[in-house]
Amino acid sequence: MKDYLQNELIKFKIEVEVGEYITPEKMTSEAFVKKWGTKHASTHLAEKTLYTYQSNSKNRISPIFCHLRLDQIKPLHIVSFIDSLSKEGTLQGFRKEILSTSTIEIHHRILKNIFSRAVEWKLIKQNPIAGIKKPAVKLKEIIPYDETEVKELLLAL
């Protein structure tokens, strides 16, 4: 145990000396997401993408992670969150809804963008989502109308 502590102390001293030490950030993830929104998302994302990222962040991501400091979020938190989105009938507000696999993938993309900026801005050392695989998107089969159904639709219009 003593050797382990001595090795950790040496690693810490090296990080400080070469300027790589980052003090644990006191900023909550919710506060960082707001900064990310104003300093990055609003200027680097297209209007529709920005709306999608902000609404999903506000409705699903922030309620889960808002109480945690940025440096406290670990890969297991993210894996559990992504897994919870895939459960049938996930409670969202006052109603239950089933999220599509593409919507779940969007949440992964949002988190990746947020944590990439946190690392880039040197608020955290490692991106907790970096090693987490993107969820697979399963596309629904689209069955187009046949000729008879198209005629009926046009007549109805």
N, C-alpha and C. Protein backbone atom coordinates (compact mmCIF):
# COMPACT_ATOMS: atom_id res chain seq x y z
N MET A 1 0.83 -1.19 0.00
CA MET A 1 0.00 0.00 0.00
C MET A 1 0.88 1.26 0.00
N LYS A 2 1.95 1.21 0.78
CA LYS A 2 2.84 2.35 0.87
C LYS A 2 3.50 2.64 -0.48
N ASP A 3 3.90 1.57 -1.18
CA ASP A 3 4.51 1.73 -2.52
C ASP A 3 3.52 2.34 -3.49
N TYR A 4 2.27 1.90 -3.41
CA TYR A 4 1.23 2.44 -4.29
C TYR A 4 1.07 3.94 -4.06
N LEU A 5 0.97 4.35 -2.81
CA LEU A 5 0.81 5.77 -2.48
C LEU A 5 2.03 6.58 -2.93
N GLN A 6 3.20 6.00 -2.77
CA GLN A 6 4.42 6.69 -3.20
C GLN A 6 4.41 6.88 -4.71
N ASN A 7 3.98 5.85 -5.46
CA ASN A 7 3.90 5.94 -6.93
C ASN A 7 2.87 6.99 -7.36
N GLU A 8 1.74 7.03 -6.67
CA GLU A 8 0.72 8.02 -6.99
C GLU A 8 1.21 9.44 -6.73
N LEU A 9 1.95 9.61 -5.65
CA LEU A 9 2.53 10.92 -5.33
C LEU A 9 3.52 11.34 -6.42
N ILE A 10 4.34 10.42 -6.88
CA ILE A 10 5.30 10.73 -7.95
C ILE A 10 4.57 11.12 -9.23
N LYS A 11 3.51 10.38 -9.58
CA LYS A 11 2.71 10.71 -10.77
C LYS A 11 2.11 12.11 -10.65
N PHE A 12 1.60 12.41 -9.46
CA PHE A 12 0.99 13.72 -9.21
C PHE A 12 2.03 14.83 -9.38
N LYS A 13 3.21 14.64 -8.79
CA LYS A 13 4.27 15.65 -8.90
C LYS A 13 4.67 15.87 -10.36
N ILE A 14 4.77 14.80 -11.12
CA ILE A 14 5.13 14.91 -12.54
C ILE A 14 4.07 15.70 -13.29
N GLU A 15 2.79 15.39 -13.03
CA GLU A 15 1.69 16.11 -13.70
C GLU A 15 1.76 17.61 -13.39
N VAL A 16 2.01 17.95 -12.13
CA VAL A 16 2.08 19.35 -11.73
C VAL A 16 3.27 20.03 -12.41
N GLU A 17 4.41 19.37 -12.42
CA GLU A 17 5.63 19.95 -12.98
C GLU A 17 5.53 20.19 -14.48
N VAL A 18 4.89 19.30 -15.20
CA VAL A 18 4.78 19.48 -16.66
C VAL A 18 3.52 20.25 -17.05
N GLY A 19 2.75 20.69 -16.07
CA GLY A 19 1.59 21.53 -16.36
C GLY A 19 0.36 20.77 -16.83
N GLU A 20 0.29 19.47 -16.55
CA GLU A 20 -0.86 18.68 -16.99
C GLU A 20 -1.88 18.44 -15.88
N TYR A 21 -1.59 18.89 -14.68
CA TYR A 21 -2.53 18.66 -13.58
C TYR A 21 -3.74 19.59 -13.73
N ILE A 22 -4.89 18.99 -13.61
CA ILE A 22 -6.14 19.75 -13.67
C ILE A 22 -6.83 19.58 -12.32
N THR A 23 -7.08 20.68 -11.66
CA THR A 23 -7.75 20.59 -10.36
C THR A 23 -9.18 20.12 -10.58
N PRO A 24 -9.70 19.29 -9.68
CA PRO A 24 -11.07 18.82 -9.85
C PRO A 24 -12.02 20.02 -9.94
N GLU A 25 -12.77 20.05 -10.99
CA GLU A 25 -13.66 21.19 -11.26
C GLU A 25 -14.87 21.13 -10.34
N LYS A 26 -15.26 22.27 -9.81
CA LYS A 26 -16.42 22.36 -8.94
C LYS A 26 -17.71 22.57 -9.73
N MET A 27 -17.57 22.74 -11.02
CA MET A 27 -18.73 23.03 -11.87
C MET A 27 -19.61 21.78 -12.02
N THR A 28 -20.91 21.97 -11.82
CA THR A 28 -21.83 20.86 -12.03
C THR A 28 -21.98 20.63 -13.53
N SER A 29 -22.42 19.45 -13.88
CA SER A 29 -22.61 19.16 -15.30
C SER A 29 -23.68 20.07 -15.89
N GLU A 30 -24.69 20.40 -15.10
CA GLU A 30 -25.76 21.28 -15.57
C GLU A 30 -25.21 22.67 -15.92
N ALA A 31 -24.33 23.20 -15.05
CA ALA A 31 -23.73 24.51 -15.32
C ALA A 31 -22.83 24.45 -16.55
N PHE A 32 -22.11 23.33 -16.69
CA PHE A 32 -21.24 23.21 -17.86
C PHE A 32 -22.06 23.12 -19.15
N VAL A 33 -23.17 22.39 -19.12
CA VAL A 33 -24.00 22.26 -20.32
C VAL A 33 -24.51 23.63 -20.76
N LYS A 34 -24.81 24.49 -19.80
CA LYS A 34 -25.24 25.86 -20.14
C LYS A 34 -24.10 26.62 -20.81
N LYS A 35 -22.89 26.50 -20.25
CA LYS A 35 -21.72 27.16 -20.86
C LYS A 35 -21.44 26.59 -22.24
N TRP A 36 -21.53 25.27 -22.37
CA TRP A 36 -21.32 24.60 -23.64
C TRP A 36 -22.33 25.12 -24.68
N GLY A 37 -23.57 25.31 -24.24
CA GLY A 37 -24.62 25.81 -25.13
C GLY A 37 -24.32 27.20 -25.66
N THR A 38 -23.85 28.09 -24.78
CA THR A 38 -23.60 29.47 -25.20
C THR A 38 -22.25 29.64 -25.90
N LYS A 39 -21.24 28.93 -25.45
CA LYS A 39 -19.89 29.13 -25.99
C LYS A 39 -19.55 28.23 -27.18
N HIS A 40 -20.29 27.15 -27.34
CA HIS A 40 -19.97 26.24 -28.45
C HIS A 40 -21.18 25.93 -29.33
N ALA A 41 -22.19 25.34 -28.74
CA ALA A 41 -23.32 24.82 -29.52
C ALA A 41 -23.99 25.90 -30.36
N SER A 42 -24.24 27.06 -29.76
CA SER A 42 -24.97 28.11 -30.48
C SER A 42 -24.20 28.66 -31.67
N THR A 43 -22.88 28.51 -31.67
CA THR A 43 -22.08 29.05 -32.78
C THR A 43 -21.56 27.98 -33.74
N HIS A 44 -21.56 26.71 -33.32
CA HIS A 44 -20.98 25.66 -34.15
C HIS A 44 -21.98 24.64 -34.69
N LEU A 45 -23.20 24.69 -34.23
CA LEU A 45 -24.19 23.71 -34.68
C LEU A 45 -25.24 24.39 -35.56
N ALA A 46 -25.74 23.64 -36.53
CA ALA A 46 -26.82 24.14 -37.37
C ALA A 46 -28.07 24.33 -36.51
N GLU A 47 -28.98 25.18 -36.97
CA GLU A 47 -30.15 25.55 -36.17
C GLU A 47 -30.97 24.33 -35.73
N LYS A 48 -31.24 23.43 -36.64
CA LYS A 48 -32.05 22.25 -36.31
C LYS A 48 -31.30 21.33 -35.34
N THR A 49 -29.99 21.16 -35.57
CA THR A 49 -29.17 20.33 -34.69
C THR A 49 -29.12 20.95 -33.30
N LEU A 50 -28.94 22.25 -33.24
CA LEU A 50 -28.90 22.96 -31.96
C LEU A 50 -30.20 22.74 -31.19
N TYR A 51 -31.33 22.89 -31.87
CA TYR A 51 -32.63 22.68 -31.22
C TYR A 51 -32.73 21.24 -30.69
N THR A 52 -32.35 20.27 -31.50
CA THR A 52 -32.42 18.86 -31.10
C THR A 52 -31.53 18.61 -29.88
N TYR A 53 -30.30 19.11 -29.92
CA TYR A 53 -29.36 18.91 -28.82
C TYR A 53 -29.87 19.57 -27.54
N GLN A 54 -30.35 20.81 -27.67
CA GLN A 54 -30.82 21.53 -26.47
C GLN A 54 -32.06 20.89 -25.87
N SER A 55 -33.01 20.50 -26.70
CA SER A 55 -34.24 19.92 -26.15
C SER A 55 -33.98 18.56 -25.51
N ASN A 56 -33.17 17.72 -26.16
CA ASN A 56 -32.86 16.42 -25.56
C ASN A 56 -32.01 16.56 -24.32
N SER A 57 -31.11 17.52 -24.33
CA SER A 57 -30.29 17.76 -23.14
C SER A 57 -31.15 18.22 -21.97
N LYS A 58 -32.05 19.15 -22.25
CA LYS A 58 -32.92 19.69 -21.20
C LYS A 58 -33.88 18.63 -20.65
N ASN A 59 -34.47 17.83 -21.54
CA ASN A 59 -35.52 16.90 -21.13
C ASN A 59 -35.02 15.58 -20.57
N ARG A 60 -33.86 15.10 -21.04
CA ARG A 60 -33.44 13.77 -20.62
C ARG A 60 -32.06 13.73 -19.98
N ILE A 61 -31.10 14.47 -20.49
CA ILE A 61 -29.73 14.38 -20.00
C ILE A 61 -29.56 15.15 -18.69
N SER A 62 -29.94 16.41 -18.67
CA SER A 62 -29.74 17.23 -17.46
C SER A 62 -30.44 16.66 -16.22
N PRO A 63 -31.68 16.18 -16.32
CA PRO A 63 -32.31 15.64 -15.11
C PRO A 63 -31.53 14.48 -14.48
N ILE A 64 -30.80 13.73 -15.28
CA ILE A 64 -30.05 12.59 -14.76
C ILE A 64 -28.69 13.02 -14.20
N PHE A 65 -28.01 13.92 -14.90
CA PHE A 65 -26.64 14.28 -14.53
C PHE A 65 -26.49 15.61 -13.80
N CYS A 66 -27.55 16.39 -13.65
CA CYS A 66 -27.44 17.77 -13.13
C CYS A 66 -26.84 17.85 -11.74
N HIS A 67 -27.05 16.86 -10.91
CA HIS A 67 -26.55 16.91 -9.53
C HIS A 67 -25.08 16.53 -9.41
N LEU A 68 -24.50 15.99 -10.49
CA LEU A 68 -23.10 15.55 -10.45
C LEU A 68 -22.17 16.64 -10.96
N ARG A 69 -20.99 16.74 -10.32
CA ARG A 69 -19.96 17.62 -10.86
C ARG A 69 -19.42 16.96 -12.13
N LEU A 70 -18.89 17.75 -13.00
CA LEU A 70 -18.38 17.28 -14.27
C LEU A 70 -17.35 16.17 -14.10
N ASP A 71 -16.47 16.33 -13.12
CA ASP A 71 -15.41 15.33 -12.91
C ASP A 71 -15.92 14.06 -12.21
N GLN A 72 -17.16 14.05 -11.76
CA GLN A 72 -17.71 12.87 -11.09
C GLN A 72 -18.39 11.91 -12.06
N ILE A 73 -18.67 12.35 -13.27
CA ILE A 73 -19.39 11.50 -14.23
C ILE A 73 -18.43 10.47 -14.80
N LYS A 74 -18.79 9.22 -14.63
CA LYS A 74 -17.95 8.10 -15.05
C LYS A 74 -18.62 7.35 -16.20
N PRO A 75 -17.85 6.54 -16.93
CA PRO A 75 -18.43 5.77 -18.03
C PRO A 75 -19.64 4.92 -17.61
N LEU A 76 -19.61 4.37 -16.40
CA LEU A 76 -20.74 3.55 -15.95
C LEU A 76 -22.02 4.36 -15.84
N HIS A 77 -21.92 5.64 -15.43
CA HIS A 77 -23.10 6.51 -15.39
C HIS A 77 -23.70 6.64 -16.78
N ILE A 78 -22.84 6.82 -17.76
CA ILE A 78 -23.31 7.02 -19.14
C ILE A 78 -23.90 5.74 -19.70
N VAL A 79 -23.23 4.62 -19.46
CA VAL A 79 -23.75 3.33 -19.94
C VAL A 79 -25.13 3.06 -19.33
N SER A 80 -25.27 3.34 -18.04
CA SER A 80 -26.57 3.13 -17.37
C SER A 80 -27.64 4.05 -17.96
N PHE A 81 -27.26 5.29 -18.23
CA PHE A 81 -28.20 6.25 -18.82
C PHE A 81 -28.66 5.80 -20.21
N ILE A 82 -27.71 5.44 -21.06
CA ILE A 82 -28.03 4.98 -22.43
C ILE A 82 -28.92 3.74 -22.35
N ASP A 83 -28.58 2.83 -21.44
CA ASP A 83 -29.38 1.62 -21.27
C ASP A 83 -30.80 1.95 -20.82
N SER A 84 -30.94 2.93 -19.94
CA SER A 84 -32.28 3.29 -19.45
C SER A 84 -33.14 3.88 -20.57
N LEU A 85 -32.51 4.53 -21.54
CA LEU A 85 -33.27 5.10 -22.66
C LEU A 85 -33.87 4.01 -23.55
N SER A 86 -33.23 2.86 -23.55
CA SER A 86 -33.70 1.78 -24.43
C SER A 86 -34.79 0.92 -23.79
N LYS A 87 -35.11 1.18 -22.54
CA LYS A 87 -36.15 0.42 -21.87
C LYS A 87 -37.52 0.87 -22.37
N GLU A 88 -38.39 -0.09 -22.64
CA GLU A 88 -39.73 0.26 -23.10
C GLU A 88 -40.46 1.05 -22.04
N GLY A 89 -41.14 2.09 -22.46
CA GLY A 89 -41.96 2.87 -21.56
C GLY A 89 -41.16 3.72 -20.59
N THR A 90 -40.02 4.23 -21.02
CA THR A 90 -39.24 5.12 -20.16
C THR A 90 -40.08 6.33 -19.81
N LEU A 91 -40.12 6.67 -18.54
CA LEU A 91 -40.93 7.81 -18.10
C LEU A 91 -40.26 9.11 -18.51
N GLN A 92 -40.97 9.91 -19.27
CA GLN A 92 -40.49 11.22 -19.72
C GLN A 92 -41.56 12.24 -19.35
N GLY A 93 -41.32 12.99 -18.29
CA GLY A 93 -42.31 13.97 -17.86
C GLY A 93 -43.53 13.26 -17.30
N PHE A 94 -44.69 13.55 -17.89
CA PHE A 94 -45.94 12.97 -17.41
C PHE A 94 -46.40 11.78 -18.24
N ARG A 95 -45.62 11.41 -19.24
CA ARG A 95 -46.05 10.31 -20.09
C ARG A 95 -44.91 9.34 -20.32
N LYS A 96 -45.27 8.14 -20.71
CA LYS A 96 -44.26 7.15 -21.04
C LYS A 96 -44.12 7.11 -22.55
N GLU A 97 -42.87 6.99 -23.00
CA GLU A 97 -42.65 6.91 -24.44
C GLU A 97 -41.53 5.92 -24.73
N ILE A 98 -41.59 5.35 -25.90
CA ILE A 98 -40.56 4.43 -26.35
C ILE A 98 -39.67 5.19 -27.32
N LEU A 99 -38.39 5.27 -27.00
CA LEU A 99 -37.46 6.00 -27.85
C LEU A 99 -36.93 5.10 -28.96
N SER A 100 -36.79 5.67 -30.13
CA SER A 100 -36.21 4.92 -31.25
C SER A 100 -34.71 4.78 -31.03
N THR A 101 -34.12 3.83 -31.73
CA THR A 101 -32.68 3.63 -31.60
C THR A 101 -31.92 4.84 -32.13
N SER A 102 -32.47 5.54 -33.12
CA SER A 102 -31.78 6.73 -33.63
C SER A 102 -31.83 7.87 -32.61
N THR A 103 -32.90 7.98 -31.84
CA THR A 103 -32.98 9.00 -30.79
C THR A 103 -31.98 8.69 -29.67
N ILE A 104 -31.84 7.42 -29.34
CA ILE A 104 -30.87 7.02 -28.33
C ILE A 104 -29.46 7.34 -28.82
N GLU A 105 -29.20 7.10 -30.10
CA GLU A 105 -27.89 7.41 -30.69
C GLU A 105 -27.62 8.91 -30.64
N ILE A 106 -28.64 9.72 -30.81
CA ILE A 106 -28.49 11.18 -30.73
C ILE A 106 -28.05 11.58 -29.32
N HIS A 107 -28.60 10.94 -28.30
CA HIS A 107 -28.20 11.24 -26.92
C HIS A 107 -26.71 10.92 -26.72
N HIS A 108 -26.26 9.82 -27.29
CA HIS A 108 -24.85 9.45 -27.22
C HIS A 108 -24.00 10.54 -27.89
N ARG A 109 -24.45 11.01 -29.04
CA ARG A 109 -23.72 12.04 -29.79
C ARG A 109 -23.67 13.36 -29.00
N ILE A 110 -24.78 13.71 -28.35
CA ILE A 110 -24.82 14.94 -27.55
C ILE A 110 -23.82 14.85 -26.41
N LEU A 111 -23.84 13.75 -25.67
CA LEU A 111 -22.92 13.57 -24.56
C LEU A 111 -21.47 13.59 -25.04
N LYS A 112 -21.22 12.98 -26.17
CA LYS A 112 -19.86 12.96 -26.72
C LYS A 112 -19.40 14.39 -27.04
N ASN A 113 -20.28 15.19 -27.61
CA ASN A 113 -19.95 16.57 -27.94
C ASN A 113 -19.68 17.37 -26.67
N ILE A 114 -20.55 17.22 -25.69
CA ILE A 114 -20.41 17.97 -24.43
C ILE A 114 -19.09 17.62 -23.75
N PHE A 115 -18.81 16.33 -23.58
CA PHE A 115 -17.60 15.93 -22.87
C PHE A 115 -16.34 16.19 -23.67
N SER A 116 -16.44 16.18 -24.98
CA SER A 116 -15.27 16.54 -25.81
C SER A 116 -14.88 17.99 -25.56
N ARG A 117 -15.88 18.86 -25.45
CA ARG A 117 -15.58 20.27 -25.15
C ARG A 117 -14.98 20.41 -23.75
N ALA A 118 -15.48 19.65 -22.79
CA ALA A 118 -14.97 19.73 -21.41
C ALA A 118 -13.49 19.34 -21.37
N VAL A 119 -13.11 18.32 -22.14
CA VAL A 119 -11.70 17.92 -22.21
C VAL A 119 -10.91 18.99 -22.95
N GLU A 120 -11.44 19.46 -24.08
CA GLU A 120 -10.78 20.49 -24.89
C GLU A 120 -10.53 21.75 -24.07
N TRP A 121 -11.46 22.12 -23.22
CA TRP A 121 -11.34 23.31 -22.40
C TRP A 121 -10.63 23.04 -21.07
N LYS A 122 -10.11 21.81 -20.95
CA LYS A 122 -9.30 21.39 -19.81
C LYS A 122 -10.02 21.46 -18.46
N LEU A 123 -11.30 21.13 -18.48
CA LEU A 123 -12.06 21.06 -17.24
C LEU A 123 -12.03 19.65 -16.65
N ILE A 124 -11.85 18.66 -17.53
CA ILE A 124 -11.68 17.27 -17.11
C ILE A 124 -10.54 16.68 -17.93
N LYS A 125 -9.90 15.65 -17.37
CA LYS A 125 -8.76 15.04 -18.07
C LYS A 125 -9.21 14.08 -19.16
N GLN A 126 -10.19 13.26 -18.82
CA GLN A 126 -10.61 12.22 -19.76
C GLN A 126 -12.09 12.34 -20.07
N ASN A 127 -12.42 11.99 -21.30
CA ASN A 127 -13.80 12.00 -21.75
C ASN A 127 -14.44 10.69 -21.30
N PRO A 128 -15.43 10.74 -20.39
CA PRO A 128 -16.02 9.50 -19.88
C PRO A 128 -16.80 8.71 -20.93
N ILE A 129 -17.12 9.33 -22.05
CA ILE A 129 -17.88 8.62 -23.08
C ILE A 129 -16.98 8.11 -24.19
N ALA A 130 -15.69 8.46 -24.14
CA ALA A 130 -14.76 8.13 -25.22
C ALA A 130 -14.71 6.63 -25.54
N GLY A 131 -14.73 5.79 -24.56
CA GLY A 131 -14.63 4.35 -24.80
C GLY A 131 -15.96 3.63 -24.95
N ILE A 132 -17.04 4.37 -24.92
CA ILE A 132 -18.37 3.75 -24.99
C ILE A 132 -18.83 3.72 -26.43
N LYS A 133 -19.15 2.53 -26.89
CA LYS A 133 -19.59 2.36 -28.27
C LYS A 133 -20.90 3.08 -28.53
N LYS A 134 -21.00 3.62 -29.74
CA LYS A 134 -22.24 4.26 -30.15
C LYS A 134 -23.32 3.19 -30.27
N PRO A 135 -24.51 3.45 -29.76
CA PRO A 135 -25.59 2.46 -29.86
C PRO A 135 -25.95 2.19 -31.33
N ALA A 136 -26.26 0.96 -31.61
CA ALA A 136 -26.63 0.58 -32.98
C ALA A 136 -28.01 1.14 -33.32
N VAL A 137 -28.12 1.65 -34.52
CA VAL A 137 -29.40 2.18 -35.00
C VAL A 137 -30.07 1.12 -35.86
N LYS A 138 -31.29 0.79 -35.48
CA LYS A 138 -32.06 -0.20 -36.24
C LYS A 138 -33.14 0.55 -37.01
N LEU A 139 -33.01 0.54 -38.30
CA LEU A 139 -33.98 1.26 -39.13
C LEU A 139 -35.24 0.43 -39.30
N LYS A 140 -36.37 1.12 -39.24
CA LYS A 140 -37.65 0.45 -39.43
C LYS A 140 -37.86 0.21 -40.92
N GLU A 141 -38.49 -0.89 -41.22
CA GLU A 141 -38.81 -1.17 -42.62
C GLU A 141 -39.98 -0.29 -43.05
N ILE A 142 -39.79 0.39 -44.15
CA ILE A 142 -40.84 1.26 -44.67
C ILE A 142 -41.54 0.52 -45.80
N ILE A 143 -42.84 0.38 -45.64
CA ILE A 143 -43.64 -0.29 -46.67
C ILE A 143 -44.45 0.78 -47.39
N PRO A 144 -44.09 1.07 -48.62
CA PRO A 144 -44.79 2.13 -49.36
C PRO A 144 -46.21 1.68 -49.74
N TYR A 145 -47.04 2.70 -50.02
CA TYR A 145 -48.40 2.39 -50.48
C TYR A 145 -48.32 1.69 -51.84
N ASP A 146 -49.27 0.76 -52.05
CA ASP A 146 -49.34 0.16 -53.38
C ASP A 146 -50.22 1.06 -54.26
N GLU A 147 -50.38 0.70 -55.50
CA GLU A 147 -51.09 1.54 -56.46
C GLU A 147 -52.54 1.79 -56.04
N THR A 148 -53.20 0.77 -55.53
CA THR A 148 -54.59 0.91 -55.11
C THR A 148 -54.70 1.90 -53.94
N GLU A 149 -53.82 1.78 -52.98
CA GLU A 149 -53.84 2.67 -51.81
C GLU A 149 -53.55 4.11 -52.21
N VAL A 150 -52.66 4.32 -53.18
CA VAL A 150 -52.37 5.66 -53.66
C VAL A 150 -53.62 6.26 -54.33
N LYS A 151 -54.32 5.48 -55.13
CA LYS A 151 -55.55 5.95 -55.78
C LYS A 151 -56.59 6.33 -54.73
N GLU A 152 -56.77 5.48 -53.71
CA GLU A 152 -57.72 5.78 -52.64
C GLU A 152 -57.34 7.05 -51.89
N LEU A 153 -56.07 7.24 -51.64
CA LEU A 153 -55.61 8.43 -50.96
C LEU A 153 -55.88 9.68 -51.78
N LEU A 154 -55.59 9.61 -53.06
CA LEU A 154 -55.82 10.77 -53.94
C LEU A 154 -57.30 11.09 -54.06
N LEU A 155 -58.13 10.05 -54.11
CA LEU A 155 -59.58 10.28 -54.17
C LEU A 155 -60.07 10.92 -52.86
N ALA A 156 -59.53 10.49 -51.77
CA ALA A 156 -59.94 11.04 -50.48
C ALA A 156 -59.53 12.51 -50.35
N LEU A 157 -58.41 12.87 -50.95
CA LEU A 157 -57.95 14.25 -50.90
C LEU A 157 -58.80 15.10 -51.81
